């Protein structure tokens, strides 16, 4: 893997119960990229993301993240799943959700210290939602809730941020706000985002990976895109 590549897949294949989902996928994501993964439903987008995270193991091929197997560097990746498993009736506050991202960080195993709480509050401040820190997550607007979930993914100070359909349940205004935020974050981290809306995100991202069992990579329309 070259020094500039933070994620590299080589000849990766994956099947669910014998049904091929990904076939001979080779993909390299460079440091500082903002790449969108697009494709049809059941085309393998989320599967590809989970393989990068080390949550799924390919049946064939090799995966390296930051030069190592993804399971070894998971603490250096932030992840926002498509469907966050938060019970809307459970009385958890915004700052408590962000604190969840510190579990296992630098040895923290279920006990949050002063540094963890300061990091969580600092992240809410950075995301411009510090004022909702003590509000139950279910009482927040869609945009506020998404920012809290991004905060949970960021509070462990990752080098790579991976998001699965982060705007699937929000309106166009919130979608624009979130991608403006991701554009700012991309100034100092690599971002990988699964989305269904190529027309919208192509003005933000630097490259696009089209996934339908196989993968093809194309430049985006962002001014920083290659090509």
Protein backbone atom coordinates (compact mmCIF):
# COMPACT_ATOMS: atom_id res chain seq x y z
CA UNK A 1 0.00 0.00 0.00
CA UNK A 2 1.36 3.43 -0.90
CA UNK A 3 1.87 6.11 1.73
CA UNK A 4 -1.02 8.16 0.34
CA UNK A 5 -3.56 5.33 0.48
CA UNK A 6 -5.50 4.97 3.74
CA UNK A 7 -7.83 2.21 2.47
CA UNK A 8 -6.94 -0.46 -0.05
CA UNK A 9 -8.97 -3.48 -1.15
CA UNK A 10 -7.50 -5.99 -3.57
CA UNK A 11 -9.54 -8.67 -5.38
CA UNK A 12 -12.18 -8.71 -2.62
CA UNK A 13 -15.26 -10.91 -2.96
CA UNK A 14 -18.08 -11.44 -0.48
CA UNK A 15 -21.24 -13.57 -0.45
CA UNK A 16 -24.26 -13.91 1.80
CA UNK A 17 -25.34 -17.56 2.04
CA UNK A 18 -23.65 -18.32 -1.25
CA UNK A 19 -25.18 -15.34 -3.10
CA UNK A 20 -22.40 -13.07 -4.46
CA UNK A 21 -22.64 -9.46 -3.29
CA UNK A 22 -19.15 -8.21 -4.22
CA UNK A 23 -16.89 -9.76 -6.85
CA UNK A 24 -13.18 -9.08 -7.39
CA UNK A 25 -13.35 -5.56 -5.97
CA UNK A 26 -10.13 -3.53 -5.99
CA UNK A 27 -10.29 -0.04 -4.54
CA UNK A 28 -7.80 2.47 -3.22
CA UNK A 29 -8.84 5.52 -1.19
CA UNK A 30 -6.21 8.20 -0.81
CA UNK A 31 -5.54 10.20 2.32
CA UNK A 32 -7.69 13.34 2.33
CA UNK A 33 -10.22 11.99 -0.15
CA UNK A 34 -13.94 12.65 0.15
CA UNK A 35 -15.43 9.67 -1.65
CA UNK A 36 -19.06 8.79 -2.19
CA UNK A 37 -20.15 5.17 -2.61
CA UNK A 38 -23.24 4.95 -4.80
CA UNK A 39 -25.17 2.18 -6.51
CA UNK A 40 -28.49 0.33 -6.66
CA UNK A 41 -30.21 -1.21 -3.66
CA UNK A 42 -28.59 -4.53 -2.73
CA UNK A 43 -25.63 -3.60 -4.93
CA UNK A 44 -23.14 -4.02 -2.08
CA UNK A 45 -22.61 -0.46 -0.81
CA UNK A 46 -23.14 -1.10 2.90
CA UNK A 47 -21.34 -4.44 2.65
CA UNK A 48 -18.32 -2.67 1.18
CA UNK A 49 -18.35 -0.15 4.03
CA UNK A 50 -18.56 -2.89 6.66
CA UNK A 51 -15.63 -4.72 5.07
CA UNK A 52 -13.56 -1.53 5.34
CA UNK A 53 -14.53 -1.35 9.03
CA UNK A 54 -13.62 -4.97 9.62
CA UNK A 55 -17.20 -5.80 10.63
CA UNK A 56 -17.40 -8.30 7.76
CA UNK A 57 -14.60 -10.54 6.53
CA UNK A 58 -14.34 -11.07 2.77
CA UNK A 59 -14.41 -14.57 1.39
CA UNK A 60 -11.50 -13.69 -0.88
CA UNK A 61 -9.00 -10.88 -1.22
CA UNK A 62 -7.15 -8.53 1.10
CA UNK A 63 -8.20 -5.39 2.97
CA UNK A 64 -5.81 -2.88 4.50
CA UNK A 65 -6.72 0.29 6.37
CA UNK A 66 -3.87 2.59 7.37
CA UNK A 67 -1.57 -0.22 6.30
CA UNK A 68 -3.07 -2.85 8.60
CA UNK A 69 -6.05 -5.24 8.79
CA UNK A 70 -9.12 -3.10 9.59
CA UNK A 71 -9.83 -4.91 12.87
CA UNK A 72 -6.47 -3.67 14.17
CA UNK A 73 -7.18 0.01 13.47
CA UNK A 74 -10.91 0.28 14.13
CA UNK A 75 -10.26 2.80 16.90
CA UNK A 76 -8.81 5.11 14.25
CA UNK A 77 -12.05 5.04 12.25
CA UNK A 78 -15.32 6.82 13.03
CA UNK A 79 -18.54 5.15 11.89
CA UNK A 80 -22.09 6.44 11.55
CA UNK A 81 -24.45 3.57 10.62
CA UNK A 82 -27.54 4.12 8.51
CA UNK A 83 -29.95 3.08 11.26
CA UNK A 84 -28.65 4.15 14.65
CA UNK A 85 -29.77 1.74 17.36
CA UNK A 86 -31.15 4.33 19.76
CA UNK A 87 -34.47 3.61 21.43
CA UNK A 88 -36.44 6.87 21.08
CA UNK A 89 -38.10 6.18 24.44
CA UNK A 90 -34.82 5.67 26.28
CA UNK A 91 -33.99 8.88 28.21
CA UNK A 92 -30.47 9.38 26.87
CA UNK A 93 -29.25 12.93 26.33
CA UNK A 94 -27.29 14.38 23.42
CA UNK A 95 -24.03 14.53 25.37
CA UNK A 96 -24.51 10.94 26.58
CA UNK A 97 -24.89 9.76 22.97
CA UNK A 98 -21.66 11.51 21.98
CA UNK A 99 -19.91 9.98 25.01
CA UNK A 100 -20.72 6.51 23.63
CA UNK A 101 -18.09 7.20 20.99
CA UNK A 102 -15.43 7.25 23.73
CA UNK A 103 -16.08 3.64 24.81
CA UNK A 104 -12.81 1.78 24.44
CA UNK A 105 -10.95 4.97 23.51
CA UNK A 106 -7.47 5.00 25.05
CA UNK A 107 -8.45 2.19 27.39
CA UNK A 108 -11.79 3.58 28.61
CA UNK A 109 -14.01 0.55 29.25
CA UNK A 110 -17.41 1.77 30.40
CA UNK A 111 -16.17 4.51 32.68
CA UNK A 112 -16.01 8.07 31.43
CA UNK A 113 -13.49 10.44 32.91
CA UNK A 114 -13.22 14.20 32.91
CA UNK A 115 -11.28 14.15 29.65
CA UNK A 116 -14.03 12.13 27.96
CA UNK A 117 -16.74 14.55 29.06
CA UNK A 118 -14.71 17.55 27.98
CA UNK A 119 -14.17 15.92 24.59
CA UNK A 120 -17.91 15.26 24.20
CA UNK A 121 -18.85 18.82 25.11
CA UNK A 122 -16.14 20.16 22.84
CA UNK A 123 -17.48 18.11 19.95
CA UNK A 124 -21.02 19.40 20.51
CA UNK A 125 -19.61 22.93 20.55
CA UNK A 126 -17.70 22.31 17.32
CA UNK A 127 -20.87 20.97 15.69
CA UNK A 128 -22.75 24.08 16.93
CA UNK A 129 -25.26 22.15 19.04
CA UNK A 130 -23.84 22.60 22.54
CA UNK A 131 -27.14 24.13 23.65
CA UNK A 132 -28.92 20.75 23.25
CA UNK A 133 -26.38 18.80 25.34
CA UNK A 134 -28.84 17.95 28.13
CA UNK A 135 -31.89 17.36 25.97
CA UNK A 136 -33.18 13.83 25.34
CA UNK A 137 -32.15 12.58 21.90
CA UNK A 138 -35.79 11.90 20.96
CA UNK A 139 -36.67 15.58 21.44
CA UNK A 140 -34.16 16.84 18.87
CA UNK A 141 -34.88 17.82 15.29
CA UNK A 142 -33.68 15.55 12.48
CA UNK A 143 -30.71 17.80 11.76
CA UNK A 144 -29.71 18.04 15.42
CA UNK A 145 -29.97 14.28 15.85
CA UNK A 146 -27.74 13.65 12.82
CA UNK A 147 -25.13 16.07 14.14
CA UNK A 148 -25.17 14.29 17.50
CA UNK A 149 -24.59 10.95 15.75
CA UNK A 150 -21.76 12.43 13.70
CA UNK A 151 -20.36 13.77 16.97
CA UNK A 152 -20.42 10.25 18.40
CA UNK A 153 -18.40 9.07 15.39
CA UNK A 154 -15.91 11.94 15.69
CA UNK A 155 -15.30 12.18 19.43
CA UNK A 156 -12.65 9.44 19.37
CA UNK A 157 -10.59 11.64 17.00
CA UNK A 158 -10.59 9.27 14.00
CA UNK A 159 -8.44 9.62 10.91
CA UNK A 160 -11.17 8.23 8.65
CA UNK A 161 -14.91 8.92 8.92
CA UNK A 162 -17.31 6.43 7.34
CA UNK A 163 -21.02 7.24 7.06
CA UNK A 164 -23.84 5.06 5.73
CA UNK A 165 -26.71 7.11 4.24
CA UNK A 166 -26.33 9.95 6.78
CA UNK A 167 -29.14 12.01 5.23
CA UNK A 168 -31.67 9.25 4.50
CA UNK A 169 -34.27 10.62 6.92
CA UNK A 170 -33.78 14.39 6.68
CA UNK A 171 -35.03 17.12 4.36
CA UNK A 172 -33.05 18.96 1.68
CA UNK A 173 -32.08 21.86 3.95
CA UNK A 174 -30.61 19.55 6.59
CA UNK A 175 -28.91 17.48 3.88
CA UNK A 176 -27.14 20.59 2.61
CA UNK A 177 -26.11 21.61 6.14
CA UNK A 178 -24.68 18.16 6.85
CA UNK A 179 -22.67 17.99 3.63
CA UNK A 180 -21.37 21.51 4.24
CA UNK A 181 -20.20 20.21 7.62
CA UNK A 182 -18.59 17.12 6.04
CA UNK A 183 -16.80 19.37 3.55
CA UNK A 184 -15.26 21.27 6.48
CA UNK A 185 -14.29 18.04 8.25
CA UNK A 186 -12.64 16.81 5.06
CA UNK A 187 -10.01 19.49 5.47
CA UNK A 188 -8.32 17.28 8.07
CA UNK A 189 -9.70 13.76 7.62
CA UNK A 190 -10.60 11.24 4.94
CA UNK A 191 -14.36 10.79 4.48
CA UNK A 192 -16.23 7.84 2.95
CA UNK A 193 -19.99 8.23 2.59
CA UNK A 194 -22.59 5.83 1.23
CA UNK A 195 -25.44 7.72 -0.41
CA UNK A 196 -28.25 7.27 -2.91
CA UNK A 197 -28.23 10.87 -4.17
CA UNK A 198 -25.32 11.14 -6.60
CA UNK A 199 -26.67 14.29 -8.23
CA UNK A 200 -26.52 16.16 -4.94
CA UNK A 201 -23.27 14.85 -3.45
CA UNK A 202 -21.22 15.06 -6.64
CA UNK A 203 -20.78 18.79 -6.05
CA UNK A 204 -19.17 18.04 -2.67
CA UNK A 205 -17.13 14.87 -3.12
CA UNK A 206 -13.75 14.45 -4.78
CA UNK A 207 -14.42 10.98 -6.15
CA UNK A 208 -17.30 8.56 -6.65
CA UNK A 209 -17.21 4.76 -6.34
CA UNK A 210 -20.05 3.12 -8.26
CA UNK A 211 -20.87 -0.25 -6.69
CA UNK A 212 -22.95 -3.02 -8.26
CA UNK A 213 -21.11 -6.21 -7.25
CA UNK A 214 -18.05 -4.64 -8.89
CA UNK A 215 -16.61 -1.18 -8.33
CA UNK A 216 -15.67 1.63 -10.67
CA UNK A 217 -14.20 4.93 -9.44
CA UNK A 218 -14.76 8.29 -11.12
CA UNK A 219 -13.86 11.90 -10.21
CA UNK A 220 -16.55 14.06 -8.63
CA UNK A 221 -17.43 17.59 -9.66
CA UNK A 222 -15.95 19.16 -6.54
CA UNK A 223 -13.17 21.66 -7.41
CA UNK A 224 -10.69 19.48 -5.52
CA UNK A 225 -11.53 16.37 -7.53
CA UNK A 226 -8.87 14.73 -9.62
CA UNK A 227 -9.17 14.39 -13.36
